Amino acid sequence: MSDRQKALATATLVWELTFVLERHVKLPAADLPVVRPGTAPAGAAELLRRHWSLPDGPVKHLVATAESRGIVVAVRPFGEIDAVDAFSALLVDRPIIVTTPRRTENVFKHRFSIAHEIGHLLLHPGPGEHGATIEKEADEFAAAFLTPAASMDAVLPQRLDLAALDRLGRTWGVSPHSLVRRMVERGRTTESSARRAYQRLTMVNDPHADPSSAYPGEVPTLLKKAAELAGNHGAGIPALAEALRISPGQVRDLLGEADQRPVLRLVGSE
């Protein structure tokens, strides 16, 4: 089974849990605009901002915003989707985004990855669409959605200043690396200067400094809250497990609940 097939299988399991929960809890309806074929990524990003009535400026709490618009987001372990860091699919009119700890280890990378997958949902809804061109379009969508060109023209520095870009990135919820790329795209710096900036950023960057777990608005909660509400109305974990034909432990795992059991550690004798 290919990595994409594994990712689709995981997304399908997340959808099945969502479907069962919807028997007991009314989840937000999927709310994505229809994007005409051939629409440029930046145009699709602008359309989505208007459709979601987002104000000009940073998109705060991207995952919480996506979930409020009916997009189910789940973080799954590496073993399930291996080389695929994130994956999205539209399953029976329900948009699903699955990502991995490799993406959630840094909130800025995580936010860009979520925006990238939203771009796929809008621009490439077909199940067979993938490739370098498709990925580039999703990256362009993510950049345009999180950092619109008009806004960037007003706030980007006139020259490369990594300290200024770090401060700006924290305001907009994006990495300095992505802002360097925006400076190239907006004609504020050259490709050669950008390459030198990327090298400096690689030397000083700590990918674990800002985990998404430290930012509540970027941690998925939709399924977990739905399960809690269902449990309050008589459909607890055992009932969900029975409907899905899986174990209660597997349901808790899908909901992102950590295993609370104590860990038995054996110490070998010398």
Protein backbone atom coordinates (compact mmCIF):
# COMPACT_ATOMS: atom_id res chain seq x y z
CA MET A 1 0.00 0.00 0.00
CA SER A 2 1.40 3.41 -0.99
CA ASP A 3 1.81 6.28 1.47
CA ARG A 4 -1.09 8.13 -0.17
CA GLN A 5 -3.29 5.05 0.12
CA LYS A 6 -2.36 4.75 3.81
CA ALA A 7 -3.17 8.43 4.30
CA LEU A 8 -6.53 8.02 2.57
CA ALA A 9 -7.29 5.00 4.77
CA THR A 10 -6.54 7.08 7.88
CA ALA A 11 -8.66 9.97 6.61
CA THR A 12 -11.49 7.52 5.91
CA LEU A 13 -11.33 6.22 9.49
CA VAL A 14 -11.46 9.79 10.79
CA TRP A 15 -14.47 10.40 8.54
CA GLU A 16 -16.19 7.26 9.85
CA LEU A 17 -15.77 8.50 13.43
CA THR A 18 -17.14 11.88 12.36
CA PHE A 19 -20.13 10.20 10.70
CA VAL A 20 -20.93 8.18 13.83
CA LEU A 21 -20.61 11.26 16.03
CA GLU A 22 -23.03 13.13 13.78
CA ARG A 23 -25.74 10.64 14.73
CA HIS A 24 -25.63 12.19 18.19
CA VAL A 25 -24.16 15.69 17.79
CA LYS A 26 -24.77 18.39 15.19
CA LEU A 27 -21.35 19.39 13.90
CA PRO A 28 -20.65 22.60 11.97
CA ALA A 29 -21.63 22.20 8.32
CA ALA A 30 -18.82 22.15 5.79
CA ASP A 31 -18.45 25.72 4.54
CA LEU A 32 -16.05 26.00 1.63
CA PRO A 33 -16.70 28.15 -1.44
CA VAL A 34 -16.81 26.68 -4.92
CA VAL A 35 -13.65 27.61 -6.80
CA ARG A 36 -13.91 27.74 -10.57
CA PRO A 37 -11.42 25.57 -12.48
CA GLY A 38 -8.39 27.58 -13.52
CA THR A 39 -8.63 30.02 -10.60
CA ALA A 40 -5.19 31.19 -9.47
CA PRO A 41 -4.14 30.17 -5.93
CA ALA A 42 -4.07 33.80 -4.77
CA GLY A 43 -7.57 34.32 -6.16
CA ALA A 44 -8.83 31.24 -4.31
CA ALA A 45 -7.21 32.50 -1.10
CA GLU A 46 -8.91 35.88 -1.45
CA LEU A 47 -12.22 34.14 -2.18
CA LEU A 48 -11.95 32.03 0.97
CA ARG A 49 -11.12 35.04 3.14
CA ARG A 50 -14.23 36.80 1.83
CA HIS A 51 -16.38 33.68 2.15
CA TRP A 52 -15.35 33.22 5.77
CA SER A 53 -15.69 36.97 6.44
CA LEU A 54 -12.16 37.15 7.78
CA PRO A 55 -10.89 40.65 8.55
CA ASP A 56 -7.78 42.02 6.90
CA GLY A 57 -4.71 41.01 8.84
CA PRO A 58 -3.48 37.81 10.46
CA VAL A 59 -5.67 34.71 10.55
CA LYS A 60 -5.81 33.98 14.25
CA HIS A 61 -6.43 30.43 15.47
CA LEU A 62 -6.36 28.84 12.02
CA VAL A 63 -7.27 25.30 13.12
CA ALA A 64 -10.12 26.51 15.33
CA THR A 65 -11.36 28.65 12.43
CA ALA A 66 -11.21 25.70 10.04
CA GLU A 67 -13.06 23.44 12.50
CA SER A 68 -15.75 26.07 13.01
CA ARG A 69 -16.29 25.90 9.25
CA GLY A 70 -16.80 22.14 9.28
CA ILE A 71 -13.28 21.00 8.39
CA VAL A 72 -12.29 18.02 10.55
CA VAL A 73 -8.62 18.16 11.56
CA ALA A 74 -6.80 15.20 13.11
CA VAL A 75 -3.19 14.58 14.12
CA ARG A 76 -2.13 10.98 13.56
CA PRO A 77 1.09 9.09 14.38
CA PHE A 78 3.88 8.69 11.84
CA GLY A 79 3.34 4.98 11.31
CA GLU A 80 -0.07 5.47 9.75
CA ILE A 81 0.92 7.73 6.90
CA ASP A 82 4.74 7.46 6.94
CA ALA A 83 6.25 9.80 4.35
CA VAL A 84 3.11 11.92 3.94
CA ASP A 85 3.38 14.76 6.47
CA ALA A 86 -0.17 15.96 5.85
CA PHE A 87 -3.11 14.85 3.76
CA SER A 88 -6.59 16.11 2.92
CA ALA A 89 -9.67 14.62 1.32
CA LEU A 90 -13.29 15.52 0.72
CA LEU A 91 -15.25 12.46 1.85
CA VAL A 92 -19.02 12.52 1.33
CA ASP A 93 -19.03 16.34 1.48
CA ARG A 94 -16.98 16.43 4.70
CA PRO A 95 -13.47 17.96 4.35
CA ILE A 96 -10.86 16.04 6.35
CA ILE A 97 -7.29 17.15 7.06
CA VAL A 98 -4.85 14.69 8.62
CA THR A 99 -1.45 15.86 9.78
CA THR A 100 1.45 14.39 11.76
CA PRO A 101 3.61 15.31 14.76
CA ARG A 102 6.33 16.30 12.27
CA ARG A 103 4.10 19.22 11.31
CA THR A 104 2.77 20.03 14.78
CA GLU A 105 6.24 20.29 16.34
CA ASN A 106 6.31 23.92 15.18
CA VAL A 107 3.21 26.11 15.13
CA PHE A 108 4.26 28.13 12.09
CA LYS A 109 4.99 25.02 10.03
CA HIS A 110 1.71 23.54 11.29
CA ARG A 111 -0.35 26.57 10.29
CA PHE A 112 1.21 26.68 6.83
CA SER A 113 0.58 22.96 6.42
CA ILE A 114 -3.10 23.34 7.36
CA ALA A 115 -3.48 26.26 4.95
CA HIS A 116 -1.71 24.20 2.27
CA GLU A 117 -4.23 21.38 2.72
CA ILE A 118 -7.16 23.80 2.61
CA GLY A 119 -5.71 24.94 -0.69
CA HIS A 120 -5.82 21.36 -1.94
CA LEU A 121 -9.45 21.02 -0.84
CA LEU A 122 -10.39 24.11 -2.85
CA LEU A 123 -8.12 23.81 -5.87
CA HIS A 124 -7.63 20.06 -6.25
CA PRO A 125 -10.71 18.25 -4.92
CA GLY A 126 -10.21 15.30 -7.27
CA PRO A 127 -8.79 12.17 -5.53
CA GLY A 128 -6.14 11.53 -8.16
CA GLU A 129 -4.56 14.97 -8.30
CA HIS A 130 -0.98 15.15 -7.03
CA GLY A 131 2.45 16.15 -8.25
CA ALA A 132 4.96 18.99 -8.10
CA THR A 133 2.71 21.53 -9.85
CA ILE A 134 -0.20 20.70 -7.55
CA GLU A 135 1.99 21.08 -4.45
CA LYS A 136 3.36 24.40 -5.68
CA GLU A 137 -0.17 25.72 -6.17
CA ALA A 138 -1.14 24.66 -2.64
CA ASP A 139 1.96 26.43 -1.27
CA GLU A 140 1.02 29.57 -3.20
CA PHE A 141 -2.50 29.37 -1.78
CA ALA A 142 -1.19 29.01 1.78
CA ALA A 143 1.13 32.00 1.41
CA ALA A 144 -1.61 34.15 -0.13
CA PHE A 145 -4.16 33.11 2.49
CA LEU A 146 -1.93 33.64 5.53
CA THR A 147 -0.01 36.64 4.17
CA PRO A 148 -2.05 38.47 1.48
CA ALA A 149 0.05 40.44 -0.98
CA ALA A 150 -1.58 43.82 -0.27
CA SER A 151 -1.06 43.43 3.46
CA MET A 152 2.53 42.30 2.99
CA ASP A 153 3.32 45.29 0.78
CA ALA A 154 2.36 47.50 3.71
CA VAL A 155 4.33 45.71 6.43
CA LEU A 156 7.35 43.93 4.92
CA PRO A 157 10.68 45.69 5.59
CA GLN A 158 12.43 47.37 2.67
CA ARG A 159 15.53 45.22 3.20
CA LEU A 160 16.24 41.81 4.67
CA ASP A 161 16.15 42.10 8.45
CA LEU A 162 15.75 38.70 10.07
CA ALA A 163 14.95 40.12 13.50
CA ALA A 164 12.20 42.27 11.99
CA LEU A 165 10.88 39.29 10.01
CA ASP A 166 10.80 37.17 13.16
CA ARG A 167 8.68 39.80 14.93
CA LEU A 168 6.44 40.17 11.89
CA GLY A 169 6.12 36.40 11.56
CA ARG A 170 4.91 36.07 15.14
CA THR A 171 2.25 38.68 14.47
CA TRP A 172 1.05 36.91 11.32
CA GLY A 173 1.61 33.35 12.53
CA VAL A 174 4.14 32.42 9.85
CA SER A 175 7.84 31.60 9.82
CA PRO A 176 10.58 34.09 8.91
CA HIS A 177 11.50 31.66 6.13
CA SER A 178 8.09 32.12 4.50
CA LEU A 179 8.36 35.90 4.85
CA VAL A 180 11.74 35.86 3.10
CA ARG A 181 10.01 34.06 0.24
CA ARG A 182 7.28 36.71 0.26
CA MET A 183 9.94 39.43 0.06
CA VAL A 184 11.31 37.81 -3.10
CA GLU A 185 7.82 37.53 -4.57
CA ARG A 186 7.02 41.17 -3.75
CA GLY A 187 10.31 42.43 -5.20
CA ARG A 188 11.83 43.44 -1.86
CA THR A 189 14.94 41.23 -2.17
CA THR A 190 16.76 38.97 -4.60
CA GLU A 191 16.94 35.18 -4.84
CA SER A 192 20.66 35.25 -3.94
CA SER A 193 20.02 37.36 -0.83
CA ALA A 194 17.15 35.05 0.09
CA ARG A 195 19.41 32.00 -0.15
CA ARG A 196 21.88 33.58 2.25
CA ALA A 197 19.00 34.43 4.60
CA TYR A 198 17.76 30.82 4.49
CA GLN A 199 21.25 29.64 5.46
CA ARG A 200 21.36 32.01 8.43
CA LEU A 201 17.88 30.94 9.50
CA THR A 202 18.89 27.28 9.35
CA MET A 203 21.80 28.01 11.68
CA VAL A 204 19.71 29.79 14.33
CA ASN A 205 16.32 28.14 13.93
CA ASP A 206 15.01 25.87 16.69
CA PRO A 207 12.07 23.92 15.19
CA HIS A 208 10.91 22.88 18.66
CA ALA A 209 10.81 26.39 20.13
CA ASP A 210 7.14 26.97 19.30
CA PRO A 211 5.16 23.70 19.41
CA SER A 212 1.56 23.98 18.25
CA SER A 213 0.50 22.41 21.56
CA ALA A 214 1.37 25.74 23.20
CA TYR A 215 -1.21 27.52 21.02
CA PRO A 216 -4.74 26.28 21.91
CA GLY A 217 -6.30 27.73 18.77
CA GLU A 218 -4.04 25.51 16.64
CA VAL A 219 -4.84 22.22 18.40
CA PRO A 220 -7.76 20.23 16.93
CA THR A 221 -10.68 19.93 19.37
CA LEU A 222 -13.79 19.38 17.23
CA LEU A 223 -13.97 15.58 17.45
CA LYS A 224 -12.97 15.46 21.10
CA LYS A 225 -15.61 18.01 22.11
CA ALA A 226 -18.21 16.22 19.98
CA ALA A 227 -17.39 12.92 21.71
CA GLU A 228 -17.70 14.54 25.14
CA LEU A 229 -21.10 15.96 24.19
CA ALA A 230 -22.22 12.62 22.78
CA GLY A 231 -21.11 10.93 25.99
CA ASN A 232 -23.18 13.36 28.04
CA HIS A 233 -26.19 12.22 26.02
CA GLY A 234 -25.70 8.50 26.39
CA ALA A 235 -23.33 7.70 23.55
CA GLY A 236 -20.00 7.26 25.27
CA ILE A 237 -16.74 5.77 24.02
CA PRO A 238 -17.97 2.13 24.22
CA ALA A 239 -21.01 2.97 22.07
CA LEU A 240 -18.84 4.75 19.50
CA ALA A 241 -16.43 1.82 19.46
CA GLU A 242 -19.26 -0.65 18.91
CA ALA A 243 -20.64 1.40 16.02
CA LEU A 244 -17.20 1.60 14.41
CA ARG A 245 -16.31 -2.04 15.15
CA ILE A 246 -13.06 -1.02 16.81
CA SER A 247 -11.84 -1.00 20.41
CA PRO A 248 -12.56 1.82 22.87
CA GLY A 249 -8.81 2.43 22.99
CA GLN A 250 -8.73 2.98 19.24
CA VAL A 251 -11.58 5.48 19.54
CA ARG A 252 -9.72 7.40 22.23
CA ASP A 253 -6.63 7.37 20.03
CA LEU A 254 -8.60 8.80 17.09
CA LEU A 255 -9.92 11.51 19.37
CA GLY A 256 -6.36 12.46 20.28
CA GLU A 257 -6.62 11.37 23.89
CA ALA A 258 -3.33 10.33 25.43
CA ASP A 259 -3.13 6.91 27.05
CA GLN A 260 -3.35 7.65 30.78
CA ARG A 261 -2.25 4.21 31.95
CA PRO A 262 1.07 4.06 33.86
CA VAL A 263 3.98 2.75 31.84
CA LEU A 264 5.67 -0.42 33.08
CA ARG A 265 9.43 -0.08 32.72
CA LEU A 266 11.71 -3.07 33.19
CA VAL A 267 15.25 -2.49 34.36
CA GLY A 268 17.65 -5.20 33.26
CA SER A 269 19.98 -6.71 35.85
CA GLU A 270 23.72 -6.48 35.21
